[in-house]
C-alpha atoms as a PDB file:
ATOM      1  CA  MET A   1     -25.786  -9.661 -15.851  1.00  0.00           C
ATOM      2  CA  LYS A   2     -22.617  -7.960 -17.137  1.00  0.00           C
ATOM      3  CA  THR A   3     -24.212  -4.536 -16.702  1.00  0.00           C
ATOM      4  CA  ARG A   4     -25.126  -5.345 -13.108  1.00  0.00           C
ATOM      5  CA  THR A   5     -21.591  -6.580 -12.429  1.00  0.00           C
ATOM      6  CA  THR A   6     -20.107  -3.433 -13.939  1.00  0.00           C
ATOM      7  CA  ILE A   7     -22.400  -1.191 -11.906  1.00  0.00           C
ATOM      8  CA  MET A   8     -21.641  -3.104  -8.716  1.00  0.00           C
ATOM      9  CA  THR A   9     -17.916  -2.907  -9.456  1.00  0.00           C
ATOM     10  CA  ILE A  10     -18.061   0.850  -9.882  1.00  0.00           C
ATOM     11  CA  CYS A  11     -20.116   1.234  -6.712  1.00  0.00           C
ATOM     12  CA  LEU A  12     -17.829  -0.969  -4.662  1.00  0.00           C
ATOM     13  CA  MET A  13     -14.656   0.656  -5.968  1.00  0.00           C
ATOM     14  CA  THR A  14     -16.000   4.071  -5.007  1.00  0.00           C
ATOM     15  CA  LEU A  15     -17.061   2.691  -1.657  1.00  0.00           C
ATOM     16  CA  GLY A  16     -13.637   1.168  -1.057  1.00  0.00           C
ATOM     17  CA  LEU A  17     -11.967   4.522  -1.667  1.00  0.00           C
ATOM     18  CA  HIS A  18     -14.408   6.187   0.692  1.00  0.00           C
ATOM     19  CA  LEU A  19     -14.038   3.601   3.436  1.00  0.00           C
ATOM     20  CA  SER A  20     -10.266   3.762   3.358  1.00  0.00           C
ATOM     21  CA  ALA A  21     -10.517   7.437   4.371  1.00  0.00           C
ATOM     22  CA  GLN A  22     -13.245   7.100   6.994  1.00  0.00           C
ATOM     23  CA  GLU A  23     -14.059   5.698  10.446  1.00  0.00           C
ATOM     24  CA  ARG A  24     -11.852   7.469  12.952  1.00  0.00           C
ATOM     25  CA  PRO A  25     -12.978   7.426  16.572  1.00  0.00           C
ATOM     26  CA  ALA A  26     -15.272  10.362  17.361  1.00  0.00           C
ATOM     27  CA  ASP A  27     -12.961  11.679  20.091  1.00  0.00           C
ATOM     28  CA  ARG A  28      -9.938  11.794  17.773  1.00  0.00           C
ATOM     29  CA  PRO A  29      -9.921  14.286  14.885  1.00  0.00           C
ATOM     30  CA  GLN A  30      -8.731  13.259  11.482  1.00  0.00           C
ATOM     31  CA  ARG A  31      -5.020  13.837  11.074  1.00  0.00           C
ATOM     32  CA  GLY A  32      -4.262  17.251   9.655  1.00  0.00           C
ATOM     33  CA  ARG A  33      -7.881  18.311   9.624  1.00  0.00           C
ATOM     34  CA  GLY A  34      -8.335  19.695  13.144  1.00  0.00           C
ATOM     35  CA  PRO A  35     -11.172  19.157  15.567  1.00  0.00           C
ATOM     36  CA  GLU A  36     -13.724  20.686  13.238  1.00  0.00           C
ATOM     37  CA  ARG A  37     -13.687  17.432  11.256  1.00  0.00           C
ATOM     38  CA  SER A  38     -14.604  15.192  14.183  1.00  0.00           C
ATOM     39  CA  GLU A  39     -17.992  13.520  14.111  1.00  0.00           C
ATOM     40  CA  GLU A  40     -19.028  15.415  17.226  1.00  0.00           C
ATOM     41  CA  ALA A  41     -18.155  18.741  15.615  1.00  0.00           C
ATOM     42  CA  ARG A  42     -20.240  17.789  12.586  1.00  0.00           C
ATOM     43  CA  GLY A  43     -23.286  17.321  14.763  1.00  0.00           C
ATOM     44  CA  GLY A  44     -22.931  13.544  15.104  1.00  0.00           C
ATOM     45  CA  ARG A  45     -24.148  13.003  11.545  1.00  0.00           C
ATOM     46  CA  ASP A  46     -24.033   9.548  10.046  1.00  0.00           C
ATOM     47  CA  ARG A  47     -20.876   9.202   7.972  1.00  0.00           C
ATOM     48  CA  SER A  48     -22.434   6.863   5.427  1.00  0.00           C
ATOM     49  CA  HIS A  49     -21.511   7.237   1.822  1.00  0.00           C
ATOM     50  CA  PRO A  50     -24.256   7.118  -0.835  1.00  0.00           C
ATOM     51  CA  VAL A  51     -22.483   4.252  -2.616  1.00  0.00           C
ATOM     52  CA  LEU A  52     -22.473   2.262   0.603  1.00  0.00           C
ATOM     53  CA  GLU A  53     -26.178   2.896   1.061  1.00  0.00           C
ATOM     54  CA  ARG A  54     -26.927   1.806  -2.535  1.00  0.00           C
ATOM     55  CA  TRP A  55     -24.879  -1.338  -2.065  1.00  0.00           C
ATOM     56  CA  MET A  56     -26.599  -2.096   1.222  1.00  0.00           C
ATOM     57  CA  ASN A  57     -29.991  -1.543  -0.466  1.00  0.00           C
ATOM     58  CA  HIS A  58     -28.920  -3.922  -3.238  1.00  0.00           C
ATOM     59  CA  LEU A  59     -27.975  -6.520  -0.624  1.00  0.00           C
ATOM     60  CA  SER A  60     -31.257  -5.940   1.197  1.00  0.00           C
ATOM     61  CA  GLU A  61     -33.177  -6.840  -1.953  1.00  0.00           C
ATOM     62  CA  ASN A  62     -30.946  -9.629  -3.244  1.00  0.00           C
ATOM     63  CA  ASP A  63     -29.277 -11.143  -0.170  1.00  0.00           C
ATOM     64  CA  PRO A  64     -31.234 -10.271   2.992  1.00  0.00           C
ATOM     65  CA  ASP A  65     -29.170 -12.564   5.219  1.00  0.00           C
ATOM     66  CA  GLU A  66     -25.900 -10.890   4.210  1.00  0.00           C
ATOM     67  CA  HIS A  67     -27.534  -7.484   4.583  1.00  0.00           C
ATOM     68  CA  ALA A  68     -28.662  -8.316   8.124  1.00  0.00           C
ATOM     69  CA  ARG A  69     -25.211  -9.640   9.020  1.00  0.00           C
ATOM     70  CA  LEU A  70     -23.506  -6.500   7.716  1.00  0.00           C
ATOM     71  CA  MET A  71     -25.983  -4.177   9.439  1.00  0.00           C
ATOM     72  CA  GLU A  72     -25.291  -5.904  12.733  1.00  0.00           C
ATOM     73  CA  LEU A  73     -21.551  -5.774  12.090  1.00  0.00           C
ATOM     74  CA  ARG A  74     -21.793  -2.101  11.153  1.00  0.00           C
ATOM     75  CA  GLU A  75     -23.240  -1.286  14.575  1.00  0.00           C
ATOM     76  CA  GLU A  76     -21.173  -3.670  16.696  1.00  0.00           C
ATOM     77  CA  ASP A  77     -17.773  -3.596  15.006  1.00  0.00           C
ATOM     78  CA  PRO A  78     -17.221  -0.859  12.369  1.00  0.00           C
ATOM     79  CA  ARG A  79     -13.695  -2.089  11.677  1.00  0.00           C
ATOM     80  CA  ALA A  80     -14.932  -5.613  10.879  1.00  0.00           C
ATOM     81  CA  PHE A  81     -17.707  -4.039   8.788  1.00  0.00           C
ATOM     82  CA  ARG A  82     -15.139  -2.117   6.712  1.00  0.00           C
ATOM     83  CA  GLU A  83     -13.100  -5.288   6.290  1.00  0.00           C
ATOM     84  CA  ALA A  84     -16.180  -7.222   5.144  1.00  0.00           C
ATOM     85  CA  VAL A  85     -16.967  -4.497   2.616  1.00  0.00           C
ATOM     86  CA  ARG A  86     -13.362  -4.556   1.373  1.00  0.00           C
ATOM     87  CA  GLU A  87     -13.554  -8.328   0.958  1.00  0.00           C
ATOM     88  CA  GLY A  88     -16.769  -7.891  -1.025  1.00  0.00           C
ATOM     89  CA  LEU A  89     -15.060  -5.284  -3.156  1.00  0.00           C
ATOM     90  CA  ASN A  90     -12.116  -7.587  -3.819  1.00  0.00           C
ATOM     91  CA  GLU A  91     -14.496 -10.374  -4.853  1.00  0.00           C
ATOM     92  CA  VAL A  92     -16.338  -8.064  -7.248  1.00  0.00           C
ATOM     93  CA  ARG A  93     -13.013  -6.881  -8.699  1.00  0.00           C
ATOM     94  CA  ARG A  94     -11.884 -10.477  -9.195  1.00  0.00           C
ATOM     95  CA  GLN A  95     -15.173 -11.322 -10.903  1.00  0.00           C
ATOM     96  CA  HIS A  96     -14.958  -8.209 -13.047  1.00  0.00           C
ATOM     97  CA  ARG A  97     -11.408  -9.112 -14.091  1.00  0.00           C
ATOM     98  CA  GLN A  98     -12.546 -12.619 -15.059  1.00  0.00           C
ATOM     99  CA  ASP A  99     -15.491 -11.202 -17.015  1.00  0.00           C
ATOM    100  CA  ARG A 100     -13.190  -8.768 -18.834  1.00  0.00           C
ATOM    101  CA  GLN A 101     -10.739 -11.543 -19.644  1.00  0.00           C
ATOM    102  CA  GLN A 102     -13.595 -13.706 -20.927  1.00  0.00           C
ATOM    103  CA  ARG A 103     -14.823 -10.861 -23.152  1.00  0.00           C
ATOM    104  CA  MET A 104     -11.326 -10.146 -24.446  1.00  0.00           C
ATOM    105  CA  PHE A 105      -9.985 -13.652 -24.928  1.00  0.00           C
ATOM    106  CA  GLY A 106     -12.972 -15.956 -24.616  1.00  0.00           C
ATOM    107  CA  GLU A 107     -13.054 -16.937 -28.278  1.00  0.00           C
ATOM    108  CA  GLN A 108      -9.376 -17.860 -28.336  1.00  0.00           C
ATOM    109  CA  VAL A 109      -9.642 -19.837 -25.083  1.00  0.00           C
ATOM    110  CA  ASP A 110     -12.727 -21.653 -26.379  1.00  0.00           C
ATOM    111  CA  ALA A 111     -10.901 -22.435 -29.617  1.00  0.00           C
ATOM    112  CA  ILE A 112      -8.025 -23.953 -27.628  1.00  0.00           C
ATOM    113  CA  ARG A 113     -10.352 -26.014 -25.459  1.00  0.00           C
ATOM    114  CA  ASN A 114     -12.420 -27.188 -28.437  1.00  0.00           C
ATOM    115  CA  ALA A 115      -9.502 -27.960 -30.751  1.00  0.00           C
ATOM    116  CA  GLU A 116      -9.753 -31.438 -32.189  1.00  0.00           C
ATOM    117  CA  THR A 117      -6.163 -31.762 -33.343  1.00  0.00           C
ATOM    118  CA  ASP A 118      -2.819 -30.669 -31.953  1.00  0.00           C
ATOM    119  CA  GLU A 119      -2.339 -28.451 -35.002  1.00  0.00           C
ATOM    120  CA  GLU A 120      -5.656 -26.629 -34.378  1.00  0.00           C
ATOM    121  CA  ARG A 121      -4.765 -26.275 -30.724  1.00  0.00           C
ATOM    122  CA  GLN A 122      -1.314 -24.841 -31.530  1.00  0.00           C
ATOM    123  CA  GLU A 123      -2.828 -22.329 -33.986  1.00  0.00           C
ATOM    124  CA  ALA A 124      -5.358 -21.257 -31.344  1.00  0.00           C
ATOM    125  CA  VAL A 125      -2.599 -20.881 -28.732  1.00  0.00           C
ATOM    126  CA  GLU A 126      -0.617 -18.705 -31.143  1.00  0.00           C
ATOM    127  CA  ALA A 127      -3.709 -16.567 -31.801  1.00  0.00           C
ATOM    128  CA  LEU A 128      -4.200 -16.146 -28.044  1.00  0.00           C
ATOM    129  CA  LYS A 129      -0.535 -15.206 -27.574  1.00  0.00           C
ATOM    130  CA  LEU A 130      -0.873 -12.620 -30.337  1.00  0.00           C
ATOM    131  CA  ALA A 131      -4.004 -11.097 -28.760  1.00  0.00           C
ATOM    132  CA  VAL A 132      -2.467 -11.008 -25.281  1.00  0.00           C
ATOM    133  CA  GLY A 133       0.745  -9.571 -26.738  1.00  0.00           C
ATOM    134  CA  GLU A 134      -1.214  -6.736 -28.375  1.00  0.00           C
ATOM    135  CA  MET A 135      -2.947  -5.973 -25.078  1.00  0.00           C
ATOM    136  CA  VAL A 136       0.357  -5.940 -23.172  1.00  0.00           C
ATOM    137  CA  GLU A 137       1.909  -3.704 -25.828  1.00  0.00           C
ATOM    138  CA  ARG A 138      -0.993  -1.203 -25.552  1.00  0.00           C
ATOM    139  CA  ARG A 139      -0.574  -1.125 -21.773  1.00  0.00           C
ATOM    140  CA  MET A 140       3.164  -0.538 -22.083  1.00  0.00           C
ATOM    141  CA  GLU A 141       2.603   2.272 -24.609  1.00  0.00           C
ATOM    142  CA  MET A 142       0.156   3.952 -22.228  1.00  0.00           C
ATOM    143  CA  ARG A 143       2.658   3.608 -19.368  1.00  0.00           C
ATOM    144  CA  GLU A 144       5.417   5.082 -21.540  1.00  0.00           C
ATOM    145  CA  GLN A 145       3.164   8.057 -22.295  1.00  0.00           C
ATOM    146  CA  ARG A 146       2.536   8.569 -18.572  1.00  0.00           C
ATOM    147  CA  ILE A 147       6.277   8.321 -17.879  1.00  0.00           C
ATOM    148  CA  ALA A 148       6.999  10.942 -20.558  1.00  0.00           C
ATOM    149  CA  SER A 149       4.363  13.241 -19.080  1.00  0.00           C
ATOM    150  CA  VAL A 150       5.766  12.865 -15.556  1.00  0.00           C
ATOM    151  CA  ARG A 151       9.286  13.430 -16.902  1.00  0.00           C
ATOM    152  CA  GLU A 152       8.154  16.698 -18.554  1.00  0.00           C
ATOM    153  CA  GLN A 153       6.522  17.834 -15.308  1.00  0.00           C
ATOM    154  CA  LEU A 154       9.696  16.984 -13.387  1.00  0.00           C
ATOM    155  CA  GLU A 155      11.850  18.940 -15.845  1.00  0.00           C
ATOM    156  CA  ARG A 156       9.568  21.993 -15.507  1.00  0.00           C
ATOM    157  CA  LEU A 157       9.670  21.727 -11.714  1.00  0.00           C
ATOM    158  CA  GLU A 158      13.462  21.368 -11.697  1.00  0.00           C
ATOM    159  CA  SER A 159      13.760  24.415 -13.956  1.00  0.00           C
ATOM    160  CA  GLU A 160      11.502  26.498 -11.688  1.00  0.00           C
ATOM    161  CA  HIS A 161      13.471  25.311  -8.682  1.00  0.00           C
ATOM    162  CA  GLN A 162      16.801  26.249 -10.260  1.00  0.00           C
ATOM    163  CA  THR A 163      15.448  29.683 -11.198  1.00  0.00           C
ATOM    164  CA  ASP A 164      14.272  30.240  -7.618  1.00  0.00           C
ATOM    165  CA  LYS A 165      17.583  28.923  -6.288  1.00  0.00           C
ATOM    166  CA  ASP A 166      19.502  31.347  -8.498  1.00  0.00           C
ATOM    167  CA  ARG A 167      17.289  34.180  -7.229  1.00  0.00           C
ATOM    168  CA  GLN A 168      17.185  32.957  -3.602  1.00  0.00           C
ATOM    169  CA  GLN A 169      18.822  36.059  -2.093  1.00  0.00           C
ATOM    170  CA  GLU A 170      16.582  38.355  -4.126  1.00  0.00           C
ATOM    171  CA  LEU A 171      13.500  36.415  -3.042  1.00  0.00           C
ATOM    172  CA  VAL A 172      14.537  36.648   0.614  1.00  0.00           C
ATOM    173  CA  GLU A 173      15.130  40.397   0.367  1.00  0.00           C
ATOM    174  CA  ASN A 174      11.788  40.994  -1.389  1.00  0.00           C
ATOM    175  CA  TYR A 175       9.933  38.984   1.223  1.00  0.00           C
ATOM    176  CA  VAL A 176      11.616  40.808   4.097  1.00  0.00           C
ATOM    177  CA  GLU A 177      10.785  44.158   2.453  1.00  0.00           C
ATOM    178  CA  GLN A 178       7.132  43.133   2.199  1.00  0.00           C
ATOM    179  CA  LEU A 179       7.055  42.096   5.843  1.00  0.00           C
ATOM    180  CA  LEU A 180       8.625  45.368   6.994  1.00  0.00           C
ATOM    181  CA  ALA A 181       6.692  47.664   4.688  1.00  0.00           C
ATOM    182  CA  GLU A 182       4.358  50.112   6.374  1.00  0.00           C
ATOM    183  CA  PRO A 183       0.786  48.998   5.908  1.00  0.00           C
ATOM    184  CA  GLU A 184      -1.084  51.346   3.653  1.00  0.00           C
ATOM    185  CA  GLU A 185      -3.152  53.783   5.594  1.00  0.00           C
ATOM    186  CA  ALA A 186      -6.793  52.919   5.339  1.00  0.00           C
ATOM    187  CA  PRO A 187      -9.036  55.830   4.362  1.00  0.00           C
ATOM    188  CA  GLU A 188     -10.961  57.281   7.261  1.00  0.00           C
ATOM    189  CA  GLU A 189     -14.587  56.373   7.426  1.00  0.00           C
ATOM    190  CA  ASN A 190     -17.029  59.243   7.612  1.00  0.00           C
ATOM    191  CA  PRO A 191     -19.389  58.852  10.556  1.00  0.00           C
END
């Protein structure tokens, strides 16, 4: 069951990313992509994503009523279809988060719930706090590493920018020279 939930979570997360970037009206090109990206220009092909198709196949086998409802919604109201898929994705994420929390802290929570004395309960609460504290500390360490990496990238970018700024006039002159340079004569082709 956990494997199926994990697989469905991965599929739905991928699908959610895909759906957030899709479904523009056919007569309006995607912003910044030009008319060649319109559905009409692509030969009117179906814009389905393989993850969506796998999820729909899963629903077809395991929940035919929901599958039929979504198929109808997909044809009649694509926007409502996307919203329904997003809601499904959010539900799977919530379930996945609960499953992960159960795997990580289930023993401590069970110990708290099954404690027979206040002393046992307090010890179990302290053990849970320690486990959660370790998890939070690991997350903060990972975030600090990402911050340090971004800071290094920013410092490199600022240094490159300052170098270019110091050489701005030279860069302008070089670029103008390149624009005004005579194009190299191409060798004549022999007939």
